Amino acid sequence: MLKKTLQQSGTMTDRLIKIGIEIVDLITNKGVDFEKITALSKLENKELVDPSVLYNKLSRLTDDDWKRILDLGHQTNTLSFSEISVLKTVIQKLKRQENIDFKRLEVTQNAITKLKKFGIKA
């Protein structure tokens, strides 16, 4: 359950955090080397990103910027249907100043990064 949450969304509940702390304490008490565990892991190391930084960065984009991002993604087929759908959802949530889950923020950032070769500045 903990592994699945980390792989899929990265959003942890208080209960999952407590379970993770218990696992880390147990591993530490057993004397297991964390470097060995990391070396055996098949998961890729992801760069940690602060969701509030992403949210603030995306909230500074204007309506024209979003229109250009959506148009470029659709016209060049650089973005998939699901990525465009996530972008539209994020735009609506930003307009309403609602919370956005980390997975959507991440998809949005990756989509914008794909469009940088077309001159998108975000």
PDB file of N, CA and C in Angstrom:
ATOM      1  N   MET A   1       0.820  -1.180   0.000  1.00  0.00           N
ATOM      2  CA  MET A   1       0.000   0.000   0.000  1.00  0.00           C
ATOM      3  C   MET A   1       0.875   1.258   0.000  1.00  0.00           C
ATOM      4  N   LEU A   2       1.896   1.256   0.787  1.00  0.00           N
ATOM      5  CA  LEU A   2       2.803   2.403   0.871  1.00  0.00           C
ATOM      6  C   LEU A   2       3.559   2.586  -0.443  1.00  0.00           C
ATOM      7  N   LYS A   3       4.041   1.482  -0.986  1.00  0.00           N
ATOM      8  CA  LYS A   3       4.783   1.526  -2.253  1.00  0.00           C
ATOM      9  C   LYS A   3       3.890   2.039  -3.388  1.00  0.00           C
ATOM     10  N   LYS A   4       2.656   1.539  -3.434  1.00  0.00           N
ATOM     11  CA  LYS A   4       1.721   1.940  -4.493  1.00  0.00           C
ATOM     12  C   LYS A   4       1.437   3.437  -4.420  1.00  0.00           C
ATOM     13  N   THR A   5       1.231   3.936  -3.214  1.00  0.00           N
ATOM     14  CA  THR A   5       0.961   5.361  -3.039  1.00  0.00           C
ATOM     15  C   THR A   5       2.145   6.198  -3.485  1.00  0.00           C
ATOM     16  N   LEU A   6       3.336   5.780  -3.122  1.00  0.00           N
ATOM     17  CA  LEU A   6       4.536   6.518  -3.520  1.00  0.00           C
ATOM     18  C   LEU A   6       4.719   6.522  -5.030  1.00  0.00           C
ATOM     19  N   GLN A   7       4.463   5.394  -5.671  1.00  0.00           N
ATOM     20  CA  GLN A   7       4.638   5.293  -7.112  1.00  0.00           C
ATOM     21  C   GLN A   7       3.596   6.090  -7.880  1.00  0.00           C
ATOM     22  N   GLN A   8       2.339   6.059  -7.429  1.00  0.00           N
ATOM     23  CA  GLN A   8       1.271   6.637  -8.216  1.00  0.00           C
ATOM     24  C   GLN A   8       1.028   8.111  -7.956  1.00  0.00           C
ATOM     25  N   SER A   9       0.868   8.486  -6.696  1.00  0.00           N
ATOM     26  CA  SER A   9       0.493   9.870  -6.457  1.00  0.00           C
ATOM     27  C   SER A   9       1.492  10.641  -5.626  1.00  0.00           C
ATOM     28  N   GLY A  10       2.178   9.964  -4.740  1.00  0.00           N
ATOM     29  CA  GLY A  10       3.127  10.650  -3.883  1.00  0.00           C
ATOM     30  C   GLY A  10       2.460  11.380  -2.730  1.00  0.00           C
ATOM     31  N   THR A  11       1.137  11.382  -2.674  1.00  0.00           N
ATOM     32  CA  THR A  11       0.411  12.053  -1.607  1.00  0.00           C
ATOM     33  C   THR A  11       0.199  11.060  -0.469  1.00  0.00           C
ATOM     34  N   MET A  12       0.727  11.403   0.694  1.00  0.00           N
ATOM     35  CA  MET A  12       0.691  10.486   1.822  1.00  0.00           C
ATOM     36  C   MET A  12      -0.277  10.995   2.887  1.00  0.00           C
ATOM     37  N   THR A  13      -1.062  10.081   3.439  1.00  0.00           N
ATOM     38  CA  THR A  13      -1.934  10.417   4.556  1.00  0.00           C
ATOM     39  C   THR A  13      -1.127  10.307   5.846  1.00  0.00           C
ATOM     40  N   ASP A  14      -1.677  10.824   6.927  1.00  0.00           N
ATOM     41  CA  ASP A  14      -0.991  10.721   8.226  1.00  0.00           C
ATOM     42  C   ASP A  14      -0.746   9.269   8.605  1.00  0.00           C
ATOM     43  N   ARG A  15      -1.708   8.417   8.316  1.00  0.00           N
ATOM     44  CA  ARG A  15      -1.580   6.985   8.638  1.00  0.00           C
ATOM     45  C   ARG A  15      -0.420   6.350   7.871  1.00  0.00           C
ATOM     46  N   LEU A  16      -0.328   6.659   6.583  1.00  0.00           N
ATOM     47  CA  LEU A  16       0.761   6.100   5.779  1.00  0.00           C
ATOM     48  C   LEU A  16       2.119   6.637   6.224  1.00  0.00           C
ATOM     49  N   ILE A  17       2.161   7.881   6.648  1.00  0.00           N
ATOM     50  CA  ILE A  17       3.415   8.455   7.137  1.00  0.00           C
ATOM     51  C   ILE A  17       3.856   7.729   8.407  1.00  0.00           C
ATOM     52  N   LYS A  18       2.912   7.452   9.301  1.00  0.00           N
ATOM     53  CA  LYS A  18       3.237   6.727  10.536  1.00  0.00           C
ATOM     54  C   LYS A  18       3.744   5.324  10.231  1.00  0.00           C
ATOM     55  N   ILE A  19       3.104   4.656   9.269  1.00  0.00           N
ATOM     56  CA  ILE A  19       3.551   3.323   8.865  1.00  0.00           C
ATOM     57  C   ILE A  19       4.969   3.407   8.302  1.00  0.00           C
ATOM     58  N   GLY A  20       5.233   4.420   7.483  1.00  0.00           N
ATOM     59  CA  GLY A  20       6.570   4.602   6.913  1.00  0.00           C
ATOM     60  C   GLY A  20       7.620   4.826   7.981  1.00  0.00           C
ATOM     61  N   ILE A  21       7.285   5.615   8.989  1.00  0.00           N
ATOM     62  CA  ILE A  21       8.213   5.872  10.095  1.00  0.00           C
ATOM     63  C   ILE A  21       8.500   4.582  10.851  1.00  0.00           C
ATOM     64  N   GLU A  22       7.466   3.781  11.083  1.00  0.00           N
ATOM     65  CA  GLU A  22       7.652   2.493  11.764  1.00  0.00           C
ATOM     66  C   GLU A  22       8.566   1.577  10.960  1.00  0.00           C
ATOM     67  N   ILE A  23       8.399   1.565   9.642  1.00  0.00           N
ATOM     68  CA  ILE A  23       9.245   0.728   8.781  1.00  0.00           C
ATOM     69  C   ILE A  23      10.694   1.202   8.835  1.00  0.00           C
ATOM     70  N   VAL A  24      10.896   2.517   8.758  1.00  0.00           N
ATOM     71  CA  VAL A  24      12.253   3.058   8.813  1.00  0.00           C
ATOM     72  C   VAL A  24      12.899   2.738  10.161  1.00  0.00           C
ATOM     73  N   ASP A  25      12.139   2.882  11.256  1.00  0.00           N
ATOM     74  CA  ASP A  25      12.674   2.554  12.588  1.00  0.00           C
ATOM     75  C   ASP A  25      13.041   1.087  12.687  1.00  0.00           C
ATOM     76  N   LEU A  26      12.180   0.218  12.162  1.00  0.00           N
ATOM     77  CA  LEU A  26      12.442  -1.220  12.191  1.00  0.00           C
ATOM     78  C   LEU A  26      13.703  -1.556  11.397  1.00  0.00           C
ATOM     79  N   ILE A  27      13.852  -0.983  10.224  1.00  0.00           N
ATOM     80  CA  ILE A  27      15.033  -1.235   9.386  1.00  0.00           C
ATOM     81  C   ILE A  27      16.295  -0.717  10.079  1.00  0.00           C
ATOM     82  N   THR A  28      16.188   0.453  10.694  1.00  0.00           N
ATOM     83  CA  THR A  28      17.335   1.026  11.403  1.00  0.00           C
ATOM     84  C   THR A  28      17.738   0.146  12.578  1.00  0.00           C
ATOM     85  N   ASN A  29      16.761  -0.358  13.331  1.00  0.00           N
ATOM     86  CA  ASN A  29      17.053  -1.224  14.480  1.00  0.00           C
ATOM     87  C   ASN A  29      17.683  -2.543  14.051  1.00  0.00           C
ATOM     88  N   LYS A  30      17.334  -3.029  12.876  1.00  0.00           N
ATOM     89  CA  LYS A  30      17.905  -4.280  12.359  1.00  0.00           C
ATOM     90  C   LYS A  30      19.318  -4.072  11.808  1.00  0.00           C
ATOM     91  N   GLY A  31      19.714  -2.808  11.623  1.00  0.00           N
ATOM     92  CA  GLY A  31      21.062  -2.515  11.135  1.00  0.00           C
ATOM     93  C   GLY A  31      21.216  -2.659   9.629  1.00  0.00           C
ATOM     94  N   VAL A  32      20.131  -2.549   8.885  1.00  0.00           N
ATOM     95  CA  VAL A  32      20.179  -2.665   7.433  1.00  0.00           C
ATOM     96  C   VAL A  32      20.685  -1.343   6.849  1.00  0.00           C
ATOM     97  N   ASP A  33      21.548  -1.442   5.860  1.00  0.00           N
ATOM     98  CA  ASP A  33      22.129  -0.264   5.221  1.00  0.00           C
ATOM     99  C   ASP A  33      21.168   0.276   4.162  1.00  0.00           C
ATOM    100  N   PHE A  34      20.781   1.565   4.298  1.00  0.00           N
ATOM    101  CA  PHE A  34      19.850   2.174   3.350  1.00  0.00           C
ATOM    102  C   PHE A  34      20.444   2.270   1.947  1.00  0.00           C
ATOM    103  N   GLU A  35      21.745   2.407   1.843  1.00  0.00           N
ATOM    104  CA  GLU A  35      22.391   2.477   0.526  1.00  0.00           C
ATOM    105  C   GLU A  35      22.206   1.163  -0.235  1.00  0.00           C
ATOM    106  N   LYS A  36      22.280   0.033   0.465  1.00  0.00           N
ATOM    107  CA  LYS A  36      22.085  -1.268  -0.179  1.00  0.00           C
ATOM    108  C   LYS A  36      20.635  -1.416  -0.669  1.00  0.00           C
ATOM    109  N   ILE A  37      19.708  -0.959   0.154  1.00  0.00           N
ATOM    110  CA  ILE A  37      18.300  -1.028  -0.244  1.00  0.00           C
ATOM    111  C   ILE A  37      18.063  -0.178  -1.484  1.00  0.00           C
ATOM    112  N   THR A  38      18.632   1.012  -1.496  1.00  0.00           N
ATOM    113  CA  THR A  38      18.482   1.910  -2.639  1.00  0.00           C
ATOM    114  C   THR A  38      19.084   1.289  -3.892  1.00  0.00           C
ATOM    115  N   ALA A  39      20.230   0.637  -3.742  1.00  0.00           N
ATOM    116  CA  ALA A  39      20.891   0.013  -4.887  1.00  0.00           C
ATOM    117  C   ALA A  39      20.049  -1.136  -5.457  1.00  0.00           C
ATOM    118  N   LEU A  40      19.340  -1.860  -4.604  1.00  0.00           N
ATOM    119  CA  LEU A  40      18.522  -2.983  -5.047  1.00  0.00           C
ATOM    120  C   LEU A  40      17.166  -2.542  -5.606  1.00  0.00           C
ATOM    121  N   SER A  41      16.771  -1.321  -5.321  1.00  0.00           N
ATOM    122  CA  SER A  41      15.467  -0.829  -5.724  1.00  0.00           C
ATOM    123  C   SER A  41      15.358  -0.709  -7.241  1.00  0.00           C
ATOM    124  N   LYS A  42      14.188  -1.080  -7.753  1.00  0.00           N
ATOM    125  CA  LYS A  42      13.919  -0.947  -9.180  1.00  0.00           C
ATOM    126  C   LYS A  42      13.233   0.378  -9.490  1.00  0.00           C
ATOM    127  N   LEU A  43      12.875   1.125  -8.444  1.00  0.00           N
ATOM    128  CA  LEU A  43      12.225   2.412  -8.636  1.00  0.00           C
ATOM    129  C   LEU A  43      13.255   3.452  -9.030  1.00  0.00           C
ATOM    130  N   GLU A  44      12.862   4.348  -9.911  1.00  0.00           N
ATOM    131  CA  GLU A  44      13.764   5.418 -10.309  1.00  0.00           C
ATOM    132  C   GLU A  44      13.723   6.532  -9.269  1.00  0.00           C
ATOM    133  N   ASN A  45      14.857   7.157  -9.051  1.00  0.00           N
ATOM    134  CA  ASN A  45      14.895   8.285  -8.131  1.00  0.00           C
ATOM    135  C   ASN A  45      14.315   9.499  -8.815  1.00  0.00           C
ATOM    136  N   LYS A  46      13.314  10.092  -8.185  1.00  0.00           N
ATOM    137  CA  LYS A  46      12.693  11.279  -8.736  1.00  0.00           C
ATOM    138  C   LYS A  46      13.196  12.493  -7.973  1.00  0.00           C
ATOM    139  N   GLU A  47      13.319  13.566  -8.708  1.00  0.00           N
ATOM    140  CA  GLU A  47      13.691  14.820  -8.084  1.00  0.00           C
ATOM    141  C   GLU A  47      12.504  15.324  -7.265  1.00  0.00           C
ATOM    142  N   LEU A  48      12.768  15.719  -6.028  1.00  0.00           N
ATOM    143  CA  LEU A  48      11.689  16.211  -5.180  1.00  0.00           C
ATOM    144  C   LEU A  48      11.294  17.610  -5.612  1.00  0.00           C
ATOM    145  N   VAL A  49       9.995  17.812  -5.744  1.00  0.00           N
ATOM    146  CA  VAL A  49       9.465  19.101  -6.176  1.00  0.00           C
ATOM    147  C   VAL A  49       8.435  19.556  -5.149  1.00  0.00           C
ATOM    148  N   ASP A  50       8.528  20.818  -4.772  1.00  0.00           N
ATOM    149  CA  ASP A  50       7.578  21.380  -3.823  1.00  0.00           C
ATOM    150  C   ASP A  50       6.291  21.733  -4.571  1.00  0.00           C
ATOM    151  N   PRO A  51       5.151  21.132  -4.202  1.00  0.00           N
ATOM    152  CA  PRO A  51       3.895  21.405  -4.902  1.00  0.00           C
ATOM    153  C   PRO A  51       3.491  22.883  -4.870  1.00  0.00           C
ATOM    154  N   SER A  52       3.806  23.578  -3.799  1.00  0.00           N
ATOM    155  CA  SER A  52       3.421  24.988  -3.719  1.00  0.00           C
ATOM    156  C   SER A  52       4.182  25.828  -4.739  1.00  0.00           C
ATOM    157  N   VAL A  53       5.433  25.457  -5.025  1.00  0.00           N
ATOM    158  CA  VAL A  53       6.211  26.164  -6.039  1.00  0.00           C
ATOM    159  C   VAL A  53       5.586  25.952  -7.415  1.00  0.00           C
ATOM    160  N   LEU A  54       5.206  24.708  -7.703  1.00  0.00           N
ATOM    161  CA  LEU A  54       4.546  24.407  -8.980  1.00  0.00           C
ATOM    162  C   LEU A  54       3.218  25.155  -9.093  1.00  0.00           C
ATOM    163  N   TYR A  55       2.443  25.140  -8.030  1.00  0.00           N
ATOM    164  CA  TYR A  55       1.143  25.811  -8.037  1.00  0.00           C
ATOM    165  C   TYR A  55       1.316  27.302  -8.311  1.00  0.00           C
ATOM    166  N   ASN A  56       2.257  27.927  -7.617  1.00  0.00           N
ATOM    167  CA  ASN A  56       2.501  29.363  -7.802  1.00  0.00           C
ATOM    168  C   ASN A  56       2.975  29.677  -9.215  1.00  0.00           C
ATOM    169  N   LYS A  57       3.827  28.817  -9.737  1.00  0.00           N
ATOM    170  CA  LYS A  57       4.343  29.009 -11.095  1.00  0.00           C
ATOM    171  C   LYS A  57       3.210  28.935 -12.123  1.00  0.00           C
ATOM    172  N   LEU A  58       2.329  27.962 -11.948  1.00  0.00           N
ATOM    173  CA  LEU A  58       1.220  27.787 -12.889  1.00  0.00           C
ATOM    174  C   LEU A  58       0.166  28.882 -12.723  1.00  0.00           C
ATOM    175  N   SER A  59      -0.021  29.356 -11.512  1.00  0.00           N
ATOM    176  CA  SER A  59      -1.042  30.388 -11.290  1.00  0.00           C
ATOM    177  C   SER A  59      -0.644  31.737 -11.886  1.00  0.00           C
ATOM    178  N   ARG A  60       0.634  31.917 -12.172  1.00  0.00           N
ATOM    179  CA  ARG A  60       1.089  33.170 -12.792  1.00  0.00           C
ATOM    180  C   ARG A  60       0.855  33.207 -14.295  1.00  0.00           C
ATOM    181  N   LEU A  61       0.513  32.065 -14.891  1.00  0.00           N
ATOM    182  CA  LEU A  61       0.257  32.033 -16.336  1.00  0.00           C
ATOM    183  C   LEU A  61      -1.066  32.728 -16.641  1.00  0.00           C
ATOM    184  N   THR A  62      -1.073  33.497 -17.723  1.00  0.00           N
ATOM    185  CA  THR A  62      -2.280  34.220 -18.122  1.00  0.00           C
ATOM    186  C   THR A  62      -3.193  33.311 -18.945  1.00  0.00           C
ATOM    187  N   ASP A  63      -4.404  33.786 -19.197  1.00  0.00           N
ATOM    188  CA  ASP A  63      -5.339  33.032 -20.033  1.00  0.00           C
ATOM    189  C   ASP A  63      -4.780  32.828 -21.441  1.00  0.00           C
ATOM    190  N   ASP A  64      -4.082  33.840 -21.956  1.00  0.00           N
ATOM    191  CA  ASP A  64      -3.466  33.723 -23.287  1.00  0.00           C
ATOM    192  C   ASP A  64      -2.366  32.654 -23.290  1.00  0.00           C
ATOM    193  N   ASP A  65      -1.590  32.587 -22.207  1.00  0.00           N
ATOM    194  CA  ASP A  65      -0.548  31.550 -22.097  1.00  0.00           C
ATOM    195  C   ASP A  65      -1.175  30.158 -22.127  1.00  0.00           C
ATOM    196  N   TRP A  66      -2.256  29.983 -21.353  1.00  0.00           N
ATOM    197  CA  TRP A  66      -2.919  28.678 -21.313  1.00  0.00           C
ATOM    198  C   TRP A  66      -3.519  28.325 -22.664  1.00  0.00           C
ATOM    199  N   LYS A  67      -4.108  29.310 -23.323  1.00  0.00           N
ATOM    200  CA  LYS A  67      -4.693  29.073 -24.651  1.00  0.00           C
ATOM    201  C   LYS A  67      -3.606  28.637 -25.627  1.00  0.00           C
ATOM    202  N   ARG A  68      -2.472  29.304 -25.566  1.00  0.00           N
ATOM    203  CA  ARG A  68      -1.352  28.958 -26.452  1.00  0.00           C
ATOM    204  C   ARG A  68      -0.828  27.552 -26.151  1.00  0.00           C
ATOM    205  N   ILE A  69      -0.724  27.212 -24.867  1.00  0.00           N
ATOM    206  CA  ILE A  69      -0.253  25.875 -24.474  1.00  0.00           C
ATOM    207  C   ILE A  69      -1.206  24.805 -24.996  1.00  0.00           C
ATOM    208  N   LEU A  70      -2.501  25.008 -24.783  1.00  0.00           N
ATOM    209  CA  LEU A  70      -3.493  24.028 -25.254  1.00  0.00           C
ATOM    210  C   LEU A  70      -3.492  23.914 -26.775  1.00  0.00           C
ATOM    211  N   ASP A  71      -3.456  25.057 -27.465  1.00  0.00           N
ATOM    212  CA  ASP A  71      -3.464  25.043 -28.934  1.00  0.00           C
ATOM    213  C   ASP A  71      -2.228  24.341 -29.494  1.00  0.00           C
ATOM    214  N   LEU A  72      -1.073  24.676 -28.954  1.00  0.00           N
ATOM    215  CA  LEU A  72       0.168  24.038 -29.430  1.00  0.00           C
ATOM    216  C   LEU A  72       0.159  22.536 -29.163  1.00  0.00           C
ATOM    217  N   GLY A  73      -0.270  22.157 -27.986  1.00  0.00           N
ATOM    218  CA  GLY A  73      -0.307  20.735 -27.639  1.00  0.00           C
ATOM    219  C   GLY A  73      -1.230  19.954 -28.542  1.00  0.00           C
ATOM    220  N   HIS A  74      -2.361  20.554 -28.886  1.00  0.00           N
ATOM    221  CA  HIS A  74      -3.335  19.883 -29.744  1.00  0.00           C
ATOM    222  C   HIS A  74      -2.883  19.868 -31.205  1.00  0.00           C
ATOM    223  N   GLN A  75      -2.434  21.010 -31.714  1.00  0.00           N
ATOM    224  CA  GLN A  75      -2.067  21.120 -33.125  1.00  0.00           C
ATOM    225  C   GLN A  75      -0.831  20.304 -33.482  1.00  0.00           C
ATOM    226  N   THR A  76       0.125  20.223 -32.580  1.00  0.00           N
ATOM    227  CA  THR A  76       1.368  19.507 -32.873  1.00  0.00           C
ATOM    228  C   THR A  76       1.309  18.044 -32.459  1.00  0.00           C
ATOM    229  N   ASN A  77       0.191  17.650 -31.819  1.00  0.00           N
ATOM    230  CA  ASN A  77       0.043  16.292 -31.288  1.00  0.00           C
ATOM    231  C   ASN A  77       1.170  15.932 -30.321  1.00  0.00           C
ATOM    232  N   THR A  78       1.736  16.940 -29.684  1.00  0.00           N
ATOM    233  CA  THR A  78       2.781  16.708 -28.696  1.00  0.00           C
ATOM    234  C   THR A  78       2.173  16.179 -27.408  1.00  0.00           C
ATOM    235  N   LEU A  79       0.959  16.630 -27.094  1.00  0.00           N
ATOM    236  CA  LEU A  79       0.287  16.217 -25.873  1.00  0.00           C
ATOM    237  C   LEU A  79      -0.837  15.234 -26.187  1.00  0.00           C
ATOM    238  N   SER A  80      -0.979  14.251 -25.326  1.00  0.00           N
ATOM    239  CA  SER A  80      -2.049  13.268 -25.497  1.00  0.00           C
ATOM    240  C   SER A  80      -3.380  13.863 -25.045  1.00  0.00           C
ATOM    241  N   PHE A  81      -4.452  13.166 -25.358  1.00  0.00           N
ATOM    242  CA  PHE A  81      -5.785  13.608 -24.955  1.00  0.00           C
ATOM    243  C   PHE A  81      -5.877  13.735 -23.441  1.00  0.00           C
ATOM    244  N   SER A  82      -5.300  12.760 -22.725  1.00  0.00           N
ATOM    245  CA  SER A  82      -5.380  12.792 -21.262  1.00  0.00           C
ATOM    246  C   SER A  82      -4.579  13.956 -20.681  1.00  0.00           C
ATOM    247  N   GLU A  83      -3.441  14.283 -21.295  1.00  0.00           N
ATOM    248  CA  GLU A  83      -2.652  15.430 -20.822  1.00  0.00           C
ATOM    249  C   GLU A  83      -3.422  16.738 -21.037  1.00  0.00           C
ATOM    250  N   ILE A  84      -4.062  16.862 -22.186  1.00  0.00           N
ATOM    251  CA  ILE A  84      -4.859  18.066 -22.464  1.00  0.00           C
ATOM    252  C   ILE A  84      -6.034  18.150 -21.491  1.00  0.00           C
ATOM    253  N   SER A  85      -6.645  17.022 -21.181  1.00  0.00           N
ATOM    254  CA  SER A  85      -7.744  17.002 -20.211  1.00  0.00           C
ATOM    255  C   SER A  85      -7.273  17.447 -18.831  1.00  0.00           C
ATOM    256  N   VAL A  86      -6.102  16.967 -18.420  1.00  0.00           N
ATOM    257  CA  VAL A  86      -5.542  17.367 -17.127  1.00  0.00           C
ATOM    258  C   VAL A  86      -5.247  18.864 -17.132  1.00  0.00           C
ATOM    259  N   LEU A  87      -4.690  19.367 -18.235  1.00  0.00           N
ATOM    260  CA  LEU A  87      -4.412  20.805 -18.335  1.00  0.00           C
ATOM    261  C   LEU A  87      -5.696  21.618 -18.165  1.00  0.00           C
ATOM    262  N   LYS A  88      -6.768  21.205 -18.824  1.00  0.00           N
ATOM    263  CA  LYS A  88      -8.040  21.931 -18.713  1.00  0.00           C
ATOM    264  C   LYS A  88      -8.567  21.896 -17.282  1.00  0.00           C
ATOM    265  N   THR A  89      -8.424  20.758 -16.626  1.00  0.00           N
ATOM    266  CA  THR A  89      -8.857  20.644 -15.232  1.00  0.00           C
ATOM    267  C   THR A  89      -8.040  21.566 -14.337  1.00  0.00           C
ATOM    268  N   VAL A  90      -6.732  21.593 -14.548  1.00  0.00           N
ATOM    269  CA  VAL A  90      -5.847  22.446 -13.745  1.00  0.00           C
ATOM    270  C   VAL A  90      -6.197  23.919 -13.960  1.00  0.00           C
ATOM    271  N   ILE A  91      -6.451  24.295 -15.200  1.00  0.00           N
ATOM    272  CA  ILE A  91      -6.822  25.689 -15.502  1.00  0.00           C
ATOM    273  C   ILE A  91      -8.084  26.078 -14.727  1.00  0.00           C
ATOM    274  N   GLN A  92      -9.087  25.205 -14.744  1.00  0.00           N
ATOM    275  CA  GLN A  92     -10.335  25.495 -14.030  1.00  0.00           C
ATOM    276  C   GLN A  92     -10.106  25.596 -12.527  1.00  0.00           C
ATOM    277  N   LYS A  93      -9.300  24.689 -11.987  1.00  0.00           N
ATOM    278  CA  LYS A  93      -9.033  24.718 -10.547  1.00  0.00           C
ATOM    279  C   LYS A  93      -8.237  25.964 -10.157  1.00  0.00           C
ATOM    280  N   LEU A  94      -7.330  26.392 -11.026  1.00  0.00           N
ATOM    281  CA  LEU A  94      -6.571  27.611 -10.743  1.00  0.00           C
ATOM    282  C   LEU A  94      -7.493  28.829 -10.752  1.00  0.00           C
ATOM    283  N   LYS A  95      -8.418  28.872 -11.695  1.00  0.00           N
ATOM    284  CA  LYS A  95      -9.355  29.998 -11.765  1.00  0.00           C
ATOM    285  C   LYS A  95     -10.230  30.071 -10.511  1.00  0.00           C
ATOM    286  N   ARG A  96     -10.608  28.908  -9.991  1.00  0.00           N
ATOM    287  CA  ARG A  96     -11.446  28.859  -8.793  1.00  0.00           C
ATOM    288  C   ARG A  96     -10.616  28.893  -7.511  1.00  0.00           C
ATOM    289  N   GLN A  97      -9.300  28.915  -7.655  1.00  0.00           N
ATOM    290  CA  GLN A  97      -8.350  28.902  -6.546  1.00  0.00           C
ATOM    291  C   GLN A  97      -8.568  27.697  -5.638  1.00  0.00           C
ATOM    292  N   GLU A  98      -8.786  26.538  -6.262  1.00  0.00           N
ATOM    293  CA  GLU A  98      -8.968  25.284  -5.534  1.00  0.00           C
ATOM    294  C   GLU A  98      -7.637  24.568  -5.393  1.00  0.00           C
ATOM    295  N   ASN A  99      -7.593  23.622  -4.483  1.00  0.00           N
ATOM    296  CA  ASN A  99      -6.405  22.796  -4.334  1.00  0.00           C
ATOM    297  C   ASN A  99      -6.281  21.860  -5.533  1.00  0.00           C
ATOM    298  N   ILE A 100      -5.054  21.598  -5.925  1.00  0.00           N
ATOM    299  CA  ILE A 100      -4.782  20.695  -7.044  1.00  0.00           C
ATOM    300  C   ILE A 100      -3.855  19.613  -6.527  1.00  0.00           C
ATOM    301  N   ASP A 101      -4.215  18.356  -6.794  1.00  0.00           N
ATOM    302  CA  ASP A 101      -3.365  17.274  -6.310  1.00  0.00           C
ATOM    303  C   ASP A 101      -2.027  17.273  -7.052  1.00  0.00           C
ATOM    304  N   PHE A 102      -1.026  16.713  -6.403  1.00  0.00           N
ATOM    305  CA  PHE A 102       0.338  16.759  -6.909  1.00  0.00           C
ATOM    306  C   PHE A 102       0.484  16.075  -8.266  1.00  0.00           C
ATOM    307  N   LYS A 103      -0.230  14.995  -8.473  1.00  0.00           N
ATOM    308  CA  LYS A 103      -0.125  14.260  -9.741  1.00  0.00           C
ATOM    309  C   LYS A 103      -0.532  15.153 -10.920  1.00  0.00           C
ATOM    310  N   ARG A 104      -1.617  15.898 -10.768  1.00  0.00           N
ATOM    311  CA  ARG A 104      -2.043  16.803 -11.844  1.00  0.00           C
ATOM    312  C   ARG A 104      -1.023  17.920 -12.061  1.00  0.00           C
ATOM    313  N   LEU A 105      -0.483  18.450 -10.971  1.00  0.00           N
ATOM    314  CA  LEU A 105       0.550  19.486 -11.102  1.00  0.00           C
ATOM    315  C   LEU A 105       1.756  18.949 -11.860  1.00  0.00           C
ATOM    316  N   GLU A 106       2.121  17.720 -11.549  1.00  0.00           N
ATOM    317  CA  GLU A 106       3.268  17.092 -12.197  1.00  0.00           C
ATOM    318  C   GLU A 106       3.011  16.856 -13.691  1.00  0.00           C
ATOM    319  N   VAL A 107       1.828  16.357 -14.026  1.00  0.00           N
ATOM    320  CA  VAL A 107       1.467  16.132 -15.433  1.00  0.00           C
ATOM    321  C   VAL A 107       1.479  17.453 -16.197  1.00  0.00           C
ATOM    322  N   THR A 108       0.955  18.497 -15.560  1.00  0.00           N
ATOM    323  CA  THR A 108       0.916  19.815 -16.193  1.00  0.00           C
ATOM    324  C   THR A 108       2.324  20.337 -16.444  1.00  0.00           C
ATOM    325  N   GLN A 109       3.189  20.209 -15.461  1.00  0.00           N
ATOM    326  CA  GLN A 109       4.568  20.673 -15.624  1.00  0.00           C
ATOM    327  C   GLN A 109       5.290  19.902 -16.726  1.00  0.00           C
ATOM    328  N   ASN A 110       5.082  18.590 -16.773  1.00  0.00           N
ATOM    329  CA  ASN A 110       5.702  17.774 -17.818  1.00  0.00           C
ATOM    330  C   ASN A 110       5.179  18.143 -19.203  1.00  0.00           C
ATOM    331  N   ALA A 111       3.893  18.437 -19.293  1.00  0.00           N
ATOM    332  CA  ALA A 111       3.301  18.832 -20.580  1.00  0.00           C
ATOM    333  C   ALA A 111       3.890  20.161 -21.056  1.00  0.00           C
ATOM    334  N   ILE A 112       4.028  21.097 -20.139  1.00  0.00           N
ATOM    335  CA  ILE A 112       4.607  22.401 -20.498  1.00  0.00           C
ATOM    336  C   ILE A 112       6.057  22.241 -20.904  1.00  0.00           C
ATOM    337  N   THR A 113       6.772  21.364 -20.234  1.00  0.00           N
ATOM    338  CA  THR A 113       8.177  21.105 -20.579  1.00  0.00           C
ATOM    339  C   THR A 113       8.294  20.546 -21.998  1.00  0.00           C
ATOM    340  N   LYS A 114       7.350  19.679 -22.387  1.00  0.00           N
ATOM    341  CA  LYS A 114       7.345  19.134 -23.752  1.00  0.00           C
ATOM    342  C   LYS A 114       7.189  20.237 -24.794  1.00  0.00           C
ATOM    343  N   LEU A 115       6.501  21.316 -24.431  1.00  0.00           N
ATOM    344  CA  LEU A 115       6.202  22.388 -25.388  1.00  0.00           C
ATOM    345  C   LEU A 115       7.256  23.501 -25.396  1.00  0.00           C
ATOM    346  N   LYS A 116       8.271  23.376 -24.575  1.00  0.00           N
ATOM    347  CA  LYS A 116       9.289  24.431 -24.520  1.00  0.00           C
ATOM    348  C   LYS A 116      10.017  24.605 -25.848  1.00  0.00           C
ATOM    349  N   LYS A 117      10.130  23.526 -26.619  1.00  0.00           N
ATOM    350  CA  LYS A 117      10.809  23.628 -27.912  1.00  0.00           C
ATOM    351  C   LYS A 117      10.022  24.511 -28.894  1.00  0.00           C
ATOM    352  N   PHE A 118       8.758  24.778 -28.587  1.00  0.00           N
ATOM    353  CA  PHE A 118       7.932  25.648 -29.421  1.00  0.00           C
ATOM    354  C   PHE A 118       7.899  27.078 -28.889  1.00  0.00           C
ATOM    355  N   GLY A 119       8.713  27.369 -27.903  1.00  0.00           N
ATOM    356  CA  GLY A 119       8.813  28.717 -27.381  1.00  0.00           C
ATOM    357  C   GLY A 119       7.916  29.054 -26.212  1.00  0.00           C
ATOM    358  N   ILE A 120       7.362  28.034 -25.556  1.00  0.00           N
ATOM    359  CA  ILE A 120       6.533  28.274 -24.376  1.00  0.00           C
ATOM    360  C   ILE A 120       7.452  28.624 -23.212  1.00  0.00           C
ATOM    361  N   LYS A 121       7.189  29.732 -22.577  1.00  0.00           N
ATOM    362  CA  LYS A 121       7.966  30.170 -21.422  1.00  0.00           C
ATOM    363  C   LYS A 121       7.089  30.028 -20.186  1.00  0.00           C
ATOM    364  N   ALA A 122       7.364  29.009 -19.397  1.00  0.00           N
ATOM    365  CA  ALA A 122       6.565  28.822 -18.170  1.00  0.00           C
ATOM    366  C   ALA A 122       7.436  28.298 -17.063  1.00  0.00           C
TER     367      ALA A 122
END
